[in-house]
Amino acid sequence: MFRHILIPSDGSAASQLAVNAALRMARESGARVTAVHVLPEEPALASLAAAPDENSILADIARQANTLHVDCTTLEVHGDQPHAAIISTALQRNCDLIAMASRGRSGLASLMLGSQTQKVLTHSKIPVLVFREG
């Protein structure tokens, strides 16, 4: 079973569903989690991609994990290629699973980021569990 799960989140509804499912899975298996939020390196792009309260994304995940008694570390990472930042973080943190949504934000953020889940699936040597809406 998995012992350390990386949960990337962009704060979207789809991402929140993945967070909920991954935290339940972590609770049931006794795994710990690292929740990560990736922002662009360029400050101007970061402000365009930012949700109204970026800090609340990770704070909300930490609260949910605490409620479920799941050991959770939160991490904000900066990188112009979110998929690479996700994979790199998983490797650095010795995660044995990446659990993420099949798609994230729409609008400008999706145009800028593209299909990060597909890129993580393509490039990760660590198993990836993808949660789909619906």
Protein backbone atom coordinates (compact mmCIF):
# COMPACT_ATOMS: atom_id res chain seq x y z
CA MET A 1 0.00 0.00 0.00
CA PHE A 2 1.07 3.60 -0.45
CA ARG A 3 2.77 5.38 2.44
CA HIS A 4 3.28 8.94 1.12
CA ILE A 5 0.87 10.55 -1.35
CA LEU A 6 1.51 13.79 -3.20
CA ILE A 7 -1.71 15.73 -3.85
CA PRO A 8 -1.32 18.63 -6.30
CA SER A 9 -4.17 21.15 -6.21
CA ASP A 10 -5.04 24.28 -8.15
CA GLY A 11 -8.17 25.00 -6.13
CA SER A 12 -10.59 24.01 -8.90
CA ALA A 13 -13.75 21.99 -8.22
CA ALA A 14 -12.23 18.97 -9.98
CA SER A 15 -9.08 19.31 -7.92
CA GLN A 16 -11.11 19.48 -4.71
CA LEU A 17 -12.84 16.19 -5.57
CA ALA A 18 -9.41 14.60 -6.05
CA VAL A 19 -8.20 16.05 -2.74
CA ASN A 20 -11.23 14.63 -0.91
CA ALA A 21 -10.78 11.17 -2.41
CA ALA A 22 -7.00 11.12 -1.88
CA LEU A 23 -7.35 12.17 1.76
CA ARG A 24 -9.92 9.42 2.39
CA MET A 25 -7.58 6.92 0.74
CA ALA A 26 -4.69 8.16 2.90
CA ARG A 27 -6.78 7.83 6.06
CA GLU A 28 -7.81 4.27 5.19
CA SER A 29 -4.27 3.17 4.36
CA GLY A 30 -2.45 5.13 7.07
CA ALA A 31 -0.49 7.14 4.50
CA ARG A 32 0.77 10.65 5.01
CA VAL A 33 0.25 13.32 2.36
CA THR A 34 2.03 16.30 0.92
CA ALA A 35 -0.32 18.82 -0.67
CA VAL A 36 1.34 21.01 -3.28
CA HIS A 37 0.21 24.11 -5.14
CA VAL A 38 2.30 25.22 -8.12
CA LEU A 39 2.54 28.89 -9.12
CA PRO A 40 4.40 30.28 -12.16
CA GLU A 41 7.95 31.60 -11.61
CA GLU A 42 7.13 34.96 -13.22
CA PRO A 43 5.37 37.18 -10.61
CA ALA A 44 3.12 38.80 -13.24
CA LEU A 45 1.95 35.39 -14.47
CA ALA A 46 1.52 34.17 -10.90
CA SER A 47 -0.88 37.03 -10.18
CA LEU A 48 -2.87 36.26 -13.36
CA ALA A 49 -3.09 32.56 -12.50
CA ALA A 50 -3.86 33.16 -8.84
CA ALA A 51 -7.21 32.38 -7.31
CA PRO A 52 -8.72 35.04 -5.02
CA ASP A 53 -6.99 33.52 -1.99
CA GLU A 54 -4.19 31.15 -2.97
CA ASN A 55 -3.18 30.55 0.65
CA SER A 56 -6.61 29.14 1.38
CA ILE A 57 -6.10 26.27 -1.09
CA LEU A 58 -3.38 24.67 1.01
CA ALA A 59 -4.91 25.80 4.31
CA ASP A 60 -8.20 24.12 3.36
CA ILE A 61 -6.42 20.88 2.50
CA ALA A 62 -4.52 20.98 5.80
CA ARG A 63 -7.80 21.49 7.69
CA GLN A 64 -9.45 18.59 5.86
CA ALA A 65 -6.47 16.34 6.58
CA ASN A 66 -6.50 17.33 10.24
CA THR A 67 -10.21 16.51 10.48
CA LEU A 68 -9.50 13.06 9.01
CA HIS A 69 -6.41 12.59 11.24
CA VAL A 70 -4.11 12.39 8.21
CA ASP A 71 -0.52 13.63 8.58
CA CYS A 72 -0.29 16.47 6.03
CA THR A 73 2.48 18.76 4.89
CA THR A 74 1.64 21.68 2.59
CA LEU A 75 3.99 23.18 0.08
CA GLU A 76 3.79 26.06 -2.40
CA VAL A 77 6.16 25.54 -5.32
CA HIS A 78 7.09 27.96 -8.09
CA GLY A 79 7.74 26.66 -11.57
CA ASP A 80 6.89 27.53 -15.15
CA GLN A 81 6.17 23.88 -15.93
CA PRO A 82 3.70 22.69 -13.29
CA HIS A 83 3.98 19.03 -14.33
CA ALA A 84 7.75 19.12 -13.83
CA ALA A 85 7.35 20.83 -10.45
CA ILE A 86 4.83 18.18 -9.38
CA ILE A 87 7.07 15.29 -10.41
CA SER A 88 10.17 16.91 -8.91
CA THR A 89 8.38 17.53 -5.61
CA ALA A 90 7.15 13.93 -5.50
CA LEU A 91 10.69 12.66 -6.05
CA GLN A 92 12.26 15.06 -3.52
CA ARG A 93 9.68 14.14 -0.89
CA ASN A 94 9.95 10.37 -1.56
CA CYS A 95 6.27 10.08 -2.44
CA ASP A 96 5.14 6.72 -3.75
CA LEU A 97 1.93 8.00 -5.38
CA ILE A 98 0.73 11.19 -7.08
CA ALA A 99 -3.05 11.61 -6.79
CA MET A 100 -4.56 14.36 -8.92
CA ALA A 101 -7.61 15.53 -10.85
CA SER A 102 -8.01 14.79 -14.54
CA ARG A 103 -8.45 18.47 -15.26
CA GLY A 104 -8.13 21.70 -13.37
CA ARG A 105 -9.09 25.29 -13.86
CA SER A 106 -10.71 26.64 -16.96
CA GLY A 107 -10.16 29.98 -18.68
CA LEU A 108 -6.79 31.74 -18.67
CA ALA A 109 -5.15 29.31 -16.27
CA SER A 110 -5.99 26.31 -18.43
CA LEU A 111 -4.68 28.04 -21.55
CA MET A 112 -1.44 28.85 -19.78
CA LEU A 113 -0.99 25.45 -18.15
CA GLY A 114 -2.37 23.02 -20.72
CA SER A 115 -3.05 19.46 -19.67
CA GLN A 116 -0.78 19.07 -16.66
CA THR A 117 -2.29 15.74 -15.69
CA GLN A 118 -1.44 14.27 -19.08
CA LYS A 119 2.12 15.57 -18.79
CA VAL A 120 2.50 14.10 -15.29
CA LEU A 121 1.18 10.76 -16.57
CA THR A 122 3.62 10.84 -19.48
CA HIS A 123 6.76 11.80 -17.55
CA SER A 124 6.36 10.43 -14.02
CA LYS A 125 8.14 7.26 -12.92
CA ILE A 126 6.00 7.38 -9.76
CA PRO A 127 2.50 5.85 -10.04
CA VAL A 128 -0.22 8.42 -10.75
CA LEU A 129 -3.84 8.01 -9.68
CA VAL A 130 -6.21 10.24 -11.65
CA PHE A 131 -9.61 11.20 -10.28
CA ARG A 132 -12.26 12.17 -12.83
CA GLU A 133 -15.35 14.26 -12.24
CA GLY A 134 -18.71 12.56 -12.52
